N, C-alpha and C. Protein backbone atom coordinates (compact mmCIF):
# COMPACT_ATOMS: atom_id res chain seq x y z
N MET A 1 -22.60 1.76 1.93
CA MET A 1 -21.86 1.23 0.79
C MET A 1 -20.39 1.54 0.94
N ILE A 2 -19.55 0.55 0.78
CA ILE A 2 -18.11 0.72 0.87
C ILE A 2 -17.62 1.52 -0.33
N SER A 3 -16.71 2.48 -0.09
CA SER A 3 -16.12 3.25 -1.18
C SER A 3 -14.64 2.88 -1.27
N PRO A 4 -14.28 1.87 -2.05
CA PRO A 4 -12.89 1.44 -2.12
C PRO A 4 -12.02 2.44 -2.85
N GLU A 5 -10.72 2.35 -2.60
CA GLU A 5 -9.76 3.22 -3.28
C GLU A 5 -9.84 2.99 -4.79
N GLU A 6 -9.78 4.08 -5.54
CA GLU A 6 -9.83 3.99 -6.99
C GLU A 6 -8.69 3.12 -7.50
N GLY A 7 -9.01 2.20 -8.40
CA GLY A 7 -8.00 1.32 -8.97
C GLY A 7 -7.74 0.08 -8.15
N SER A 8 -8.37 -0.04 -6.99
CA SER A 8 -8.16 -1.23 -6.14
C SER A 8 -8.95 -2.41 -6.70
N PHE A 9 -8.66 -3.59 -6.15
CA PHE A 9 -9.35 -4.80 -6.59
C PHE A 9 -10.85 -4.68 -6.43
N LEU A 10 -11.29 -4.22 -5.26
CA LEU A 10 -12.72 -4.13 -5.00
C LEU A 10 -13.40 -3.13 -5.93
N ALA A 11 -12.68 -2.05 -6.27
CA ALA A 11 -13.26 -1.05 -7.17
C ALA A 11 -13.47 -1.59 -8.57
N GLU A 12 -12.75 -2.67 -8.92
CA GLU A 12 -12.87 -3.27 -10.24
C GLU A 12 -14.11 -4.15 -10.37
N LEU A 13 -14.72 -4.52 -9.25
CA LEU A 13 -15.83 -5.46 -9.27
C LEU A 13 -17.17 -4.78 -9.48
N THR A 14 -18.07 -5.47 -10.16
CA THR A 14 -19.45 -5.00 -10.27
C THR A 14 -20.16 -5.29 -8.95
N LEU A 15 -21.35 -4.74 -8.79
CA LEU A 15 -22.12 -4.99 -7.57
C LEU A 15 -22.42 -6.47 -7.42
N GLU A 16 -22.71 -7.15 -8.52
CA GLU A 16 -23.00 -8.58 -8.48
C GLU A 16 -21.76 -9.38 -8.07
N GLU A 17 -20.62 -8.99 -8.60
CA GLU A 17 -19.37 -9.70 -8.27
C GLU A 17 -18.99 -9.47 -6.81
N ARG A 18 -19.22 -8.26 -6.32
CA ARG A 18 -18.92 -7.98 -4.92
C ARG A 18 -19.84 -8.78 -4.00
N ALA A 19 -21.09 -8.90 -4.37
CA ALA A 19 -22.03 -9.69 -3.57
C ALA A 19 -21.60 -11.16 -3.54
N ASP A 20 -21.17 -11.67 -4.68
CA ASP A 20 -20.69 -13.05 -4.75
C ASP A 20 -19.46 -13.24 -3.88
N LEU A 21 -18.52 -12.29 -3.95
CA LEU A 21 -17.31 -12.38 -3.15
C LEU A 21 -17.63 -12.37 -1.66
N GLU A 22 -18.49 -11.45 -1.23
CA GLU A 22 -18.82 -11.36 0.20
C GLU A 22 -19.55 -12.60 0.69
N ALA A 23 -20.34 -13.23 -0.18
CA ALA A 23 -21.06 -14.44 0.21
C ALA A 23 -20.11 -15.61 0.46
N ARG A 24 -18.94 -15.57 -0.14
CA ARG A 24 -17.97 -16.66 -0.01
C ARG A 24 -17.03 -16.47 1.18
N GLY A 25 -16.91 -15.23 1.68
CA GLY A 25 -15.95 -14.96 2.75
C GLY A 25 -16.62 -14.62 4.06
N ARG A 26 -15.79 -14.14 4.99
CA ARG A 26 -16.30 -13.74 6.30
C ARG A 26 -15.53 -12.49 6.73
N ARG A 27 -16.19 -11.62 7.47
CA ARG A 27 -15.57 -10.36 7.89
C ARG A 27 -14.81 -10.56 9.20
N ARG A 28 -13.63 -9.89 9.28
CA ARG A 28 -12.83 -9.91 10.51
C ARG A 28 -12.27 -8.53 10.76
N ARG A 29 -11.93 -8.26 12.02
CA ARG A 29 -11.36 -6.98 12.40
C ARG A 29 -10.00 -7.19 13.07
N TRP A 30 -9.12 -6.20 12.91
CA TRP A 30 -7.80 -6.21 13.54
C TRP A 30 -7.54 -4.84 14.15
N ASP A 31 -6.74 -4.83 15.22
CA ASP A 31 -6.33 -3.56 15.83
C ASP A 31 -5.08 -3.03 15.13
N THR A 32 -4.76 -1.77 15.40
CA THR A 32 -3.54 -1.16 14.89
C THR A 32 -2.32 -1.99 15.30
N ALA A 33 -1.40 -2.20 14.38
CA ALA A 33 -0.14 -2.94 14.57
C ALA A 33 -0.33 -4.45 14.54
N ALA A 34 -1.56 -4.92 14.34
CA ALA A 34 -1.78 -6.37 14.23
C ALA A 34 -1.18 -6.88 12.91
N THR A 35 -0.65 -8.09 12.95
CA THR A 35 -0.06 -8.72 11.77
C THR A 35 -1.09 -9.62 11.11
N LEU A 36 -1.38 -9.35 9.84
CA LEU A 36 -2.31 -10.22 9.10
C LEU A 36 -1.61 -11.49 8.66
N PHE A 37 -0.39 -11.36 8.16
CA PHE A 37 0.45 -12.53 7.89
C PHE A 37 1.90 -12.08 7.81
N SER A 38 2.80 -13.04 7.98
CA SER A 38 4.23 -12.74 8.05
C SER A 38 4.99 -13.36 6.88
N GLU A 39 6.06 -12.69 6.50
CA GLU A 39 6.94 -13.19 5.46
C GLU A 39 7.40 -14.61 5.79
N GLY A 40 7.28 -15.52 4.83
CA GLY A 40 7.68 -16.90 5.05
C GLY A 40 6.56 -17.81 5.50
N ASP A 41 5.42 -17.25 5.91
CA ASP A 41 4.27 -18.07 6.32
C ASP A 41 3.82 -18.96 5.16
N LEU A 42 3.28 -20.11 5.51
CA LEU A 42 2.75 -21.03 4.51
C LEU A 42 1.23 -20.91 4.35
N SER A 43 0.61 -19.99 5.10
CA SER A 43 -0.84 -19.84 5.00
C SER A 43 -1.23 -19.28 3.65
N THR A 44 -2.44 -19.58 3.21
CA THR A 44 -2.91 -19.12 1.89
C THR A 44 -4.22 -18.36 1.99
N TRP A 45 -4.50 -17.76 3.14
CA TRP A 45 -5.70 -16.95 3.26
C TRP A 45 -5.58 -15.70 2.41
N VAL A 46 -6.69 -15.25 1.88
CA VAL A 46 -6.76 -14.05 1.05
C VAL A 46 -7.61 -13.01 1.78
N PHE A 47 -7.18 -11.75 1.72
CA PHE A 47 -7.86 -10.67 2.43
C PHE A 47 -8.24 -9.56 1.44
N VAL A 48 -9.42 -9.01 1.62
CA VAL A 48 -9.85 -7.83 0.87
C VAL A 48 -10.17 -6.75 1.89
N LEU A 49 -9.42 -5.65 1.86
CA LEU A 49 -9.61 -4.60 2.86
C LEU A 49 -10.93 -3.87 2.65
N LEU A 50 -11.74 -3.85 3.69
CA LEU A 50 -13.01 -3.12 3.66
C LEU A 50 -12.90 -1.78 4.36
N ASP A 51 -11.93 -1.65 5.28
CA ASP A 51 -11.72 -0.39 5.98
C ASP A 51 -10.32 -0.40 6.57
N GLY A 52 -9.62 0.73 6.50
CA GLY A 52 -8.29 0.83 7.07
C GLY A 52 -7.18 0.64 6.05
N ARG A 53 -5.93 0.78 6.53
CA ARG A 53 -4.77 0.69 5.66
C ARG A 53 -3.71 -0.21 6.29
N VAL A 54 -2.90 -0.82 5.45
CA VAL A 54 -1.84 -1.71 5.90
C VAL A 54 -0.53 -1.34 5.22
N LYS A 55 0.56 -1.84 5.78
CA LYS A 55 1.86 -1.75 5.11
C LYS A 55 2.33 -3.16 4.80
N ALA A 56 2.94 -3.30 3.64
CA ALA A 56 3.57 -4.56 3.25
C ALA A 56 5.07 -4.35 3.28
N SER A 57 5.80 -5.23 3.95
CA SER A 57 7.24 -5.04 4.08
C SER A 57 7.96 -6.38 4.06
N SER A 58 9.25 -6.29 3.78
CA SER A 58 10.13 -7.44 3.78
C SER A 58 11.36 -7.08 4.58
N HIS A 59 12.17 -8.09 4.93
CA HIS A 59 13.37 -7.83 5.71
C HIS A 59 14.60 -8.31 4.96
N GLY A 60 15.63 -7.46 4.95
CA GLY A 60 16.89 -7.82 4.31
C GLY A 60 17.69 -8.78 5.17
N GLU A 61 18.83 -9.20 4.66
CA GLU A 61 19.67 -10.15 5.37
C GLU A 61 20.17 -9.60 6.70
N ASN A 62 20.30 -8.27 6.78
CA ASN A 62 20.76 -7.66 8.03
C ASN A 62 19.60 -7.34 8.97
N GLY A 63 18.40 -7.75 8.61
CA GLY A 63 17.23 -7.54 9.46
C GLY A 63 16.54 -6.21 9.25
N THR A 64 17.05 -5.38 8.35
CA THR A 64 16.45 -4.08 8.10
C THR A 64 15.11 -4.24 7.39
N GLU A 65 14.09 -3.54 7.90
CA GLU A 65 12.77 -3.60 7.28
C GLU A 65 12.74 -2.74 6.02
N MET A 66 12.23 -3.30 4.95
CA MET A 66 12.08 -2.57 3.70
C MET A 66 10.59 -2.46 3.38
N LEU A 67 10.05 -1.26 3.45
CA LEU A 67 8.65 -1.06 3.15
C LEU A 67 8.44 -1.21 1.64
N LEU A 68 7.50 -2.05 1.27
CA LEU A 68 7.24 -2.32 -0.14
C LEU A 68 6.05 -1.54 -0.68
N ALA A 69 5.03 -1.38 0.15
CA ALA A 69 3.81 -0.72 -0.32
C ALA A 69 2.90 -0.39 0.86
N VAL A 70 2.03 0.58 0.62
CA VAL A 70 0.93 0.88 1.54
C VAL A 70 -0.35 0.60 0.77
N ARG A 71 -1.23 -0.21 1.34
CA ARG A 71 -2.49 -0.57 0.69
C ARG A 71 -3.67 -0.01 1.48
N GLY A 72 -4.68 0.42 0.74
CA GLY A 72 -5.85 1.01 1.36
C GLY A 72 -7.12 0.24 1.07
N MET A 73 -8.24 0.87 1.34
CA MET A 73 -9.55 0.25 1.23
C MET A 73 -9.79 -0.32 -0.16
N GLY A 74 -10.18 -1.59 -0.20
CA GLY A 74 -10.45 -2.26 -1.47
C GLY A 74 -9.30 -3.11 -1.96
N ALA A 75 -8.14 -3.04 -1.27
CA ALA A 75 -6.96 -3.77 -1.73
C ALA A 75 -7.12 -5.26 -1.51
N LEU A 76 -6.50 -6.02 -2.38
CA LEU A 76 -6.44 -7.48 -2.29
C LEU A 76 -5.08 -7.86 -1.74
N LEU A 77 -5.06 -8.72 -0.72
CA LEU A 77 -3.82 -9.10 -0.06
C LEU A 77 -3.70 -10.63 0.00
N GLY A 78 -2.52 -11.13 -0.28
CA GLY A 78 -2.27 -12.57 -0.12
C GLY A 78 -2.66 -13.42 -1.29
N GLU A 79 -3.04 -12.79 -2.41
CA GLU A 79 -3.54 -13.57 -3.54
C GLU A 79 -2.45 -14.39 -4.22
N VAL A 80 -1.19 -13.91 -4.17
CA VAL A 80 -0.12 -14.64 -4.87
C VAL A 80 0.11 -16.00 -4.23
N SER A 81 0.18 -16.05 -2.89
CA SER A 81 0.37 -17.34 -2.22
C SER A 81 -0.82 -18.26 -2.43
N ALA A 82 -2.02 -17.67 -2.55
CA ALA A 82 -3.21 -18.48 -2.82
C ALA A 82 -3.12 -19.12 -4.20
N ILE A 83 -2.49 -18.41 -5.14
CA ILE A 83 -2.41 -18.90 -6.51
C ILE A 83 -1.26 -19.89 -6.69
N ASP A 84 -0.06 -19.55 -6.15
CA ASP A 84 1.09 -20.42 -6.41
C ASP A 84 1.41 -21.38 -5.26
N GLY A 85 0.78 -21.19 -4.10
CA GLY A 85 0.99 -22.10 -2.98
C GLY A 85 2.32 -21.96 -2.28
N LEU A 86 3.11 -20.94 -2.61
CA LEU A 86 4.42 -20.74 -2.01
C LEU A 86 4.32 -19.85 -0.77
N PRO A 87 5.39 -19.82 0.06
CA PRO A 87 5.35 -19.00 1.28
C PRO A 87 5.13 -17.52 0.96
N ARG A 88 4.65 -16.79 1.96
CA ARG A 88 4.43 -15.36 1.82
C ARG A 88 5.74 -14.65 1.50
N SER A 89 5.69 -13.72 0.56
CA SER A 89 6.89 -12.98 0.16
C SER A 89 7.05 -11.69 0.94
N ALA A 90 6.07 -11.34 1.78
CA ALA A 90 6.13 -10.10 2.56
C ALA A 90 5.25 -10.25 3.79
N SER A 91 5.49 -9.37 4.75
CA SER A 91 4.63 -9.28 5.93
C SER A 91 3.65 -8.13 5.74
N VAL A 92 2.44 -8.29 6.25
CA VAL A 92 1.42 -7.24 6.15
C VAL A 92 0.92 -6.91 7.56
N VAL A 93 1.02 -5.63 7.93
CA VAL A 93 0.70 -5.17 9.28
C VAL A 93 -0.28 -4.00 9.19
N ALA A 94 -1.23 -3.97 10.11
CA ALA A 94 -2.25 -2.91 10.14
C ALA A 94 -1.63 -1.59 10.59
N LEU A 95 -1.87 -0.53 9.82
CA LEU A 95 -1.44 0.81 10.20
C LEU A 95 -2.49 1.52 11.04
N GLU A 96 -3.68 0.96 11.09
CA GLU A 96 -4.81 1.51 11.84
C GLU A 96 -5.83 0.39 11.99
N PRO A 97 -6.89 0.58 12.78
CA PRO A 97 -7.89 -0.48 12.92
C PRO A 97 -8.43 -0.90 11.55
N LEU A 98 -8.57 -2.20 11.36
CA LEU A 98 -8.93 -2.75 10.05
C LEU A 98 -10.20 -3.58 10.12
N GLU A 99 -10.87 -3.63 8.97
CA GLU A 99 -11.88 -4.64 8.72
C GLU A 99 -11.59 -5.21 7.34
N ALA A 100 -11.63 -6.53 7.22
CA ALA A 100 -11.34 -7.16 5.94
C ALA A 100 -12.23 -8.36 5.73
N LEU A 101 -12.45 -8.69 4.48
CA LEU A 101 -13.13 -9.91 4.10
C LEU A 101 -12.06 -10.97 3.93
N VAL A 102 -12.24 -12.13 4.56
CA VAL A 102 -11.24 -13.20 4.55
C VAL A 102 -11.80 -14.41 3.82
N LEU A 103 -11.01 -14.94 2.89
CA LEU A 103 -11.38 -16.14 2.15
C LEU A 103 -10.22 -17.12 2.16
N SER A 104 -10.54 -18.41 2.16
CA SER A 104 -9.49 -19.41 1.98
C SER A 104 -9.04 -19.38 0.53
N ALA A 105 -7.89 -19.99 0.25
CA ALA A 105 -7.41 -20.05 -1.13
C ALA A 105 -8.43 -20.73 -2.02
N GLU A 106 -9.04 -21.80 -1.51
CA GLU A 106 -10.04 -22.53 -2.30
C GLU A 106 -11.24 -21.67 -2.62
N GLU A 107 -11.70 -20.89 -1.62
CA GLU A 107 -12.84 -20.01 -1.85
C GLU A 107 -12.50 -18.92 -2.86
N PHE A 108 -11.29 -18.38 -2.75
CA PHE A 108 -10.88 -17.31 -3.66
C PHE A 108 -10.74 -17.83 -5.09
N LEU A 109 -10.09 -18.98 -5.25
CA LEU A 109 -9.91 -19.54 -6.60
C LEU A 109 -11.24 -19.94 -7.21
N SER A 110 -12.16 -20.41 -6.38
CA SER A 110 -13.49 -20.74 -6.87
C SER A 110 -14.21 -19.50 -7.35
N PHE A 111 -14.02 -18.38 -6.64
CA PHE A 111 -14.61 -17.11 -7.05
C PHE A 111 -14.05 -16.68 -8.41
N LEU A 112 -12.75 -16.82 -8.60
CA LEU A 112 -12.13 -16.45 -9.88
C LEU A 112 -12.64 -17.33 -11.01
N GLN A 113 -12.79 -18.61 -10.74
CA GLN A 113 -13.27 -19.54 -11.77
C GLN A 113 -14.70 -19.21 -12.19
N ALA A 114 -15.48 -18.70 -11.23
CA ALA A 114 -16.87 -18.36 -11.53
C ALA A 114 -17.01 -16.97 -12.15
N ASN A 115 -15.93 -16.20 -12.12
CA ASN A 115 -16.00 -14.81 -12.61
C ASN A 115 -14.75 -14.53 -13.45
N TRP A 116 -14.80 -14.95 -14.71
CA TRP A 116 -13.62 -14.83 -15.56
C TRP A 116 -13.24 -13.38 -15.82
N ARG A 117 -14.19 -12.46 -15.82
CA ARG A 117 -13.86 -11.05 -16.01
C ARG A 117 -12.97 -10.57 -14.87
N VAL A 118 -13.23 -11.05 -13.64
CA VAL A 118 -12.42 -10.67 -12.49
C VAL A 118 -11.01 -11.25 -12.62
N SER A 119 -10.92 -12.47 -13.15
CA SER A 119 -9.60 -13.08 -13.34
C SER A 119 -8.74 -12.23 -14.27
N ARG A 120 -9.33 -11.72 -15.32
CA ARG A 120 -8.58 -10.86 -16.25
C ARG A 120 -8.17 -9.55 -15.56
N ALA A 121 -9.08 -8.99 -14.76
CA ALA A 121 -8.76 -7.76 -14.03
C ALA A 121 -7.62 -8.00 -13.05
N LEU A 122 -7.61 -9.17 -12.40
CA LEU A 122 -6.55 -9.50 -11.45
C LEU A 122 -5.21 -9.64 -12.18
N MET A 123 -5.21 -10.28 -13.34
CA MET A 123 -3.98 -10.40 -14.12
C MET A 123 -3.42 -9.02 -14.47
N ARG A 124 -4.31 -8.10 -14.83
CA ARG A 124 -3.87 -6.75 -15.17
C ARG A 124 -3.28 -6.05 -13.94
N MET A 125 -3.90 -6.24 -12.78
CA MET A 125 -3.40 -5.61 -11.56
C MET A 125 -2.04 -6.16 -11.17
N LEU A 126 -1.84 -7.48 -11.32
CA LEU A 126 -0.55 -8.08 -10.99
C LEU A 126 0.54 -7.56 -11.93
N CYS A 127 0.18 -7.38 -13.20
CA CYS A 127 1.14 -6.81 -14.15
C CYS A 127 1.49 -5.38 -13.77
N GLU A 128 0.51 -4.60 -13.32
CA GLU A 128 0.76 -3.22 -12.91
C GLU A 128 1.70 -3.18 -11.71
N ARG A 129 1.52 -4.13 -10.77
CA ARG A 129 2.41 -4.19 -9.61
C ARG A 129 3.85 -4.50 -10.04
N MET A 130 4.00 -5.42 -10.98
CA MET A 130 5.33 -5.75 -11.47
C MET A 130 5.98 -4.54 -12.13
N ARG A 131 5.22 -3.81 -12.93
CA ARG A 131 5.75 -2.61 -13.57
C ARG A 131 6.12 -1.55 -12.54
N ASP A 132 5.28 -1.41 -11.50
CA ASP A 132 5.55 -0.43 -10.46
C ASP A 132 6.82 -0.80 -9.70
N ALA A 133 7.00 -2.10 -9.42
CA ALA A 133 8.21 -2.54 -8.73
C ALA A 133 9.45 -2.26 -9.58
N ASP A 134 9.35 -2.52 -10.89
CA ASP A 134 10.47 -2.23 -11.79
C ASP A 134 10.78 -0.74 -11.82
N ARG A 135 9.73 0.08 -11.84
CA ARG A 135 9.92 1.53 -11.87
C ARG A 135 10.62 2.01 -10.61
N LYS A 136 10.21 1.49 -9.45
CA LYS A 136 10.83 1.91 -8.19
C LYS A 136 12.29 1.48 -8.12
N ARG A 137 12.62 0.30 -8.64
CA ARG A 137 14.02 -0.12 -8.67
C ARG A 137 14.84 0.82 -9.55
N THR A 138 14.26 1.26 -10.66
CA THR A 138 14.95 2.20 -11.54
C THR A 138 15.17 3.53 -10.83
N GLU A 139 14.17 3.96 -10.05
CA GLU A 139 14.27 5.23 -9.33
C GLU A 139 15.48 5.26 -8.41
N PHE A 140 15.81 4.11 -7.79
CA PHE A 140 16.93 4.07 -6.85
C PHE A 140 18.24 4.46 -7.52
N GLY A 141 18.38 4.14 -8.80
CA GLY A 141 19.62 4.43 -9.48
C GLY A 141 19.64 5.77 -10.18
N ILE A 142 18.48 6.40 -10.33
CA ILE A 142 18.40 7.64 -11.11
C ILE A 142 18.20 8.87 -10.23
N PHE A 143 17.31 8.77 -9.24
CA PHE A 143 16.92 9.94 -8.46
C PHE A 143 17.64 10.00 -7.12
N ASP A 144 17.87 11.21 -6.62
CA ASP A 144 18.46 11.35 -5.30
C ASP A 144 17.40 11.11 -4.22
N ALA A 145 17.83 11.07 -2.97
CA ALA A 145 16.92 10.73 -1.87
C ALA A 145 15.77 11.72 -1.75
N THR A 146 16.04 13.00 -1.97
CA THR A 146 14.97 14.01 -1.86
C THR A 146 13.91 13.78 -2.93
N SER A 147 14.32 13.46 -4.14
CA SER A 147 13.35 13.17 -5.20
C SER A 147 12.51 11.95 -4.86
N ARG A 148 13.16 10.92 -4.31
CA ARG A 148 12.42 9.69 -3.98
C ARG A 148 11.45 9.93 -2.83
N VAL A 149 11.84 10.73 -1.85
CA VAL A 149 10.91 11.09 -0.77
C VAL A 149 9.74 11.88 -1.34
N ALA A 150 10.03 12.82 -2.23
CA ALA A 150 8.96 13.61 -2.86
C ALA A 150 8.01 12.71 -3.65
N GLN A 151 8.55 11.71 -4.33
CA GLN A 151 7.72 10.78 -5.10
C GLN A 151 6.74 10.03 -4.19
N ARG A 152 7.24 9.55 -3.05
CA ARG A 152 6.36 8.81 -2.15
C ARG A 152 5.33 9.74 -1.50
N LEU A 153 5.71 10.97 -1.19
CA LEU A 153 4.75 11.91 -0.61
C LEU A 153 3.66 12.26 -1.62
N VAL A 154 4.03 12.43 -2.88
CA VAL A 154 3.04 12.69 -3.93
C VAL A 154 2.09 11.51 -4.05
N GLU A 155 2.64 10.30 -4.03
CA GLU A 155 1.81 9.10 -4.11
C GLU A 155 0.82 9.03 -2.95
N LEU A 156 1.30 9.29 -1.73
CA LEU A 156 0.43 9.24 -0.56
C LEU A 156 -0.62 10.35 -0.60
N ALA A 157 -0.22 11.53 -1.07
CA ALA A 157 -1.17 12.65 -1.18
C ALA A 157 -2.28 12.32 -2.18
N ASP A 158 -1.89 11.74 -3.32
CA ASP A 158 -2.87 11.41 -4.35
C ASP A 158 -3.82 10.31 -3.88
N ARG A 159 -3.31 9.35 -3.14
CA ARG A 159 -4.13 8.18 -2.76
C ARG A 159 -4.89 8.39 -1.46
N PHE A 160 -4.25 9.01 -0.47
CA PHE A 160 -4.85 9.07 0.86
C PHE A 160 -5.03 10.48 1.41
N GLY A 161 -4.57 11.49 0.67
CA GLY A 161 -4.63 12.86 1.18
C GLY A 161 -6.04 13.41 1.28
N GLU A 162 -6.22 14.33 2.23
CA GLU A 162 -7.50 15.01 2.43
C GLU A 162 -7.26 16.52 2.36
N PRO A 163 -8.19 17.27 1.75
CA PRO A 163 -8.02 18.72 1.66
C PRO A 163 -7.84 19.35 3.05
N TYR A 164 -6.89 20.28 3.14
CA TYR A 164 -6.62 20.92 4.42
C TYR A 164 -6.03 22.31 4.18
N GLN A 165 -6.80 23.35 4.48
CA GLN A 165 -6.35 24.74 4.43
C GLN A 165 -5.60 25.06 3.14
N GLY A 166 -6.20 24.69 2.02
CA GLY A 166 -5.60 24.97 0.72
C GLY A 166 -4.54 23.99 0.29
N GLY A 167 -4.22 23.03 1.14
CA GLY A 167 -3.23 22.00 0.81
C GLY A 167 -3.83 20.62 0.96
N VAL A 168 -2.98 19.67 1.26
CA VAL A 168 -3.40 18.27 1.41
C VAL A 168 -2.77 17.71 2.67
N MET A 169 -3.58 17.08 3.52
CA MET A 169 -3.06 16.45 4.73
C MET A 169 -3.00 14.94 4.53
N ILE A 170 -1.82 14.38 4.84
CA ILE A 170 -1.63 12.93 4.81
C ILE A 170 -1.51 12.47 6.25
N THR A 171 -2.43 11.61 6.67
CA THR A 171 -2.38 11.05 8.01
C THR A 171 -2.09 9.56 7.88
N LEU A 172 -0.90 9.16 8.29
CA LEU A 172 -0.50 7.77 8.11
C LEU A 172 0.56 7.43 9.15
N HIS A 173 0.39 6.27 9.77
CA HIS A 173 1.30 5.87 10.85
C HIS A 173 2.55 5.21 10.29
N LEU A 174 3.40 6.04 9.63
CA LEU A 174 4.68 5.57 9.12
C LEU A 174 5.79 6.34 9.81
N THR A 175 6.81 5.63 10.28
CA THR A 175 7.95 6.28 10.90
C THR A 175 8.96 6.70 9.83
N GLN A 176 9.92 7.51 10.22
CA GLN A 176 10.97 7.90 9.28
C GLN A 176 11.78 6.67 8.85
N GLU A 177 11.94 5.70 9.76
CA GLU A 177 12.66 4.48 9.40
C GLU A 177 11.91 3.71 8.31
N GLU A 178 10.58 3.66 8.42
CA GLU A 178 9.79 2.96 7.41
C GLU A 178 9.82 3.70 6.08
N LEU A 179 9.74 5.03 6.14
CA LEU A 179 9.84 5.82 4.91
C LEU A 179 11.21 5.63 4.26
N ALA A 180 12.24 5.55 5.09
CA ALA A 180 13.59 5.32 4.58
C ALA A 180 13.68 3.98 3.86
N GLY A 181 13.08 2.94 4.45
CA GLY A 181 13.08 1.64 3.80
C GLY A 181 12.32 1.66 2.49
N TRP A 182 11.27 2.48 2.43
CA TRP A 182 10.44 2.56 1.23
C TRP A 182 11.18 3.23 0.08
N VAL A 183 11.97 4.24 0.39
CA VAL A 183 12.67 4.97 -0.67
C VAL A 183 14.09 4.46 -0.90
N GLY A 184 14.51 3.47 -0.10
CA GLY A 184 15.84 2.91 -0.28
C GLY A 184 16.95 3.86 0.10
N ALA A 185 16.78 4.54 1.23
CA ALA A 185 17.78 5.50 1.70
C ALA A 185 17.94 5.33 3.21
N SER A 186 18.96 5.96 3.76
CA SER A 186 19.15 5.92 5.21
C SER A 186 18.17 6.84 5.90
N ARG A 187 17.97 6.62 7.19
CA ARG A 187 17.09 7.49 7.96
C ARG A 187 17.63 8.92 7.95
N GLU A 188 18.95 9.06 8.00
CA GLU A 188 19.56 10.39 8.00
C GLU A 188 19.28 11.12 6.68
N ALA A 189 19.34 10.38 5.57
CA ALA A 189 19.07 10.99 4.25
C ALA A 189 17.62 11.42 4.13
N VAL A 190 16.71 10.60 4.68
CA VAL A 190 15.29 10.94 4.65
C VAL A 190 15.02 12.16 5.52
N SER A 191 15.64 12.20 6.70
CA SER A 191 15.47 13.35 7.59
C SER A 191 15.96 14.63 6.91
N LYS A 192 17.09 14.54 6.22
CA LYS A 192 17.63 15.69 5.49
C LYS A 192 16.70 16.12 4.35
N ALA A 193 16.12 15.12 3.65
CA ALA A 193 15.20 15.42 2.55
C ALA A 193 13.95 16.12 3.06
N LEU A 194 13.39 15.64 4.15
CA LEU A 194 12.20 16.27 4.72
C LEU A 194 12.51 17.69 5.18
N ARG A 195 13.69 17.87 5.76
CA ARG A 195 14.11 19.20 6.20
C ARG A 195 14.21 20.15 5.02
N SER A 196 14.74 19.65 3.90
CA SER A 196 14.87 20.47 2.69
C SER A 196 13.50 20.87 2.15
N LEU A 197 12.56 19.92 2.13
CA LEU A 197 11.22 20.20 1.61
C LEU A 197 10.46 21.15 2.53
N ARG A 198 10.69 21.02 3.85
CA ARG A 198 10.07 21.95 4.80
C ARG A 198 10.61 23.36 4.62
N SER A 199 11.93 23.48 4.40
CA SER A 199 12.55 24.79 4.30
C SER A 199 12.03 25.58 3.10
N ARG A 200 11.56 24.87 2.08
CA ARG A 200 10.98 25.52 0.91
C ARG A 200 9.51 25.88 1.11
N GLY A 201 8.95 25.42 2.23
CA GLY A 201 7.55 25.71 2.51
C GLY A 201 6.58 24.79 1.79
N TRP A 202 7.10 23.72 1.20
CA TRP A 202 6.25 22.82 0.42
C TRP A 202 5.48 21.85 1.31
N ILE A 203 6.08 21.47 2.44
CA ILE A 203 5.43 20.53 3.35
C ILE A 203 5.59 21.01 4.79
N GLU A 204 4.76 20.44 5.63
CA GLU A 204 4.85 20.66 7.07
C GLU A 204 4.66 19.29 7.72
N THR A 205 5.54 18.91 8.63
CA THR A 205 5.45 17.60 9.25
C THR A 205 5.04 17.71 10.70
N GLY A 206 4.25 16.75 11.14
CA GLY A 206 3.83 16.65 12.53
C GLY A 206 3.89 15.21 12.96
N ARG A 207 3.32 14.91 14.09
CA ARG A 207 3.31 13.54 14.59
C ARG A 207 2.38 12.71 13.71
N ARG A 208 2.96 11.83 12.92
CA ARG A 208 2.23 10.91 12.04
C ARG A 208 1.42 11.65 10.97
N THR A 209 1.74 12.90 10.70
CA THR A 209 1.03 13.63 9.65
C THR A 209 2.02 14.43 8.81
N VAL A 210 1.65 14.63 7.56
CA VAL A 210 2.39 15.52 6.67
C VAL A 210 1.35 16.39 5.97
N ILE A 211 1.53 17.70 6.02
CA ILE A 211 0.67 18.62 5.29
C ILE A 211 1.44 19.10 4.07
N VAL A 212 0.91 18.84 2.90
CA VAL A 212 1.54 19.28 1.66
C VAL A 212 0.92 20.62 1.29
N HIS A 213 1.73 21.69 1.33
CA HIS A 213 1.24 23.02 1.01
C HIS A 213 1.35 23.35 -0.48
N ASN A 214 2.28 22.69 -1.16
CA ASN A 214 2.50 22.97 -2.58
C ASN A 214 2.72 21.64 -3.30
N LEU A 215 1.61 21.01 -3.69
CA LEU A 215 1.69 19.69 -4.30
C LEU A 215 2.34 19.74 -5.68
N GLU A 216 2.08 20.79 -6.43
CA GLU A 216 2.67 20.89 -7.77
C GLU A 216 4.19 21.03 -7.71
N ALA A 217 4.69 21.83 -6.75
CA ALA A 217 6.13 21.96 -6.59
C ALA A 217 6.74 20.62 -6.19
N LEU A 218 6.02 19.89 -5.34
CA LEU A 218 6.49 18.58 -4.91
C LEU A 218 6.53 17.61 -6.10
N ARG A 219 5.53 17.69 -6.98
CA ARG A 219 5.53 16.84 -8.18
C ARG A 219 6.74 17.14 -9.06
N LYS A 220 7.05 18.42 -9.23
CA LYS A 220 8.19 18.80 -10.07
C LYS A 220 9.49 18.29 -9.43
N ARG A 221 9.60 18.40 -8.12
CA ARG A 221 10.83 17.90 -7.45
C ARG A 221 10.92 16.39 -7.57
N ALA A 222 9.78 15.72 -7.57
CA ALA A 222 9.77 14.26 -7.71
C ALA A 222 10.27 13.82 -9.08
N ARG A 223 10.09 14.67 -10.08
CA ARG A 223 10.52 14.35 -11.44
C ARG A 223 11.95 14.79 -11.71
């Protein structure tokens, strides 16, 4: 039995709704760094992550990558283009080997029409994403880079962290450049922020891993 991330699209579905959804789609796998779809694409395929994690990103006018979100097991991807028919607003790339359920826009919309409770749940999720985007934009003007880095580390620890020697280990294939794009700061500012958090003993960084030794202190710094 798949155990989707709490609060994800798949976690919102009943067993009957999940069975209906799987009957309409087909399973596919991708390797690490594979692109599921690219910003500006006109495709309207919809993906539901069954295993693995992805990053959603966009590119500024100067070509700089801006990380928008990290999605995990149970996440719904590509639903906006399926609904409005417009080009993709972001690129989605696999951070690790993936398995996903793939549906055409027609199959996905037919599923929503047959399951009105799911349609309402989807509307609520889209509203939550809009609120989260607004909150992150506000953070850029209020919090310094160290606070914003702490906020993202707390988010990753809460969503993807695993217990490790009295702390929490985050294993995720994100570079400092990607983290910088996510928090809206330069790579140098992010490097300085991580150095500051390490010096306090709150975190420990390794290759593609972060060990949070003091999550509560990190939460307070994030606020």
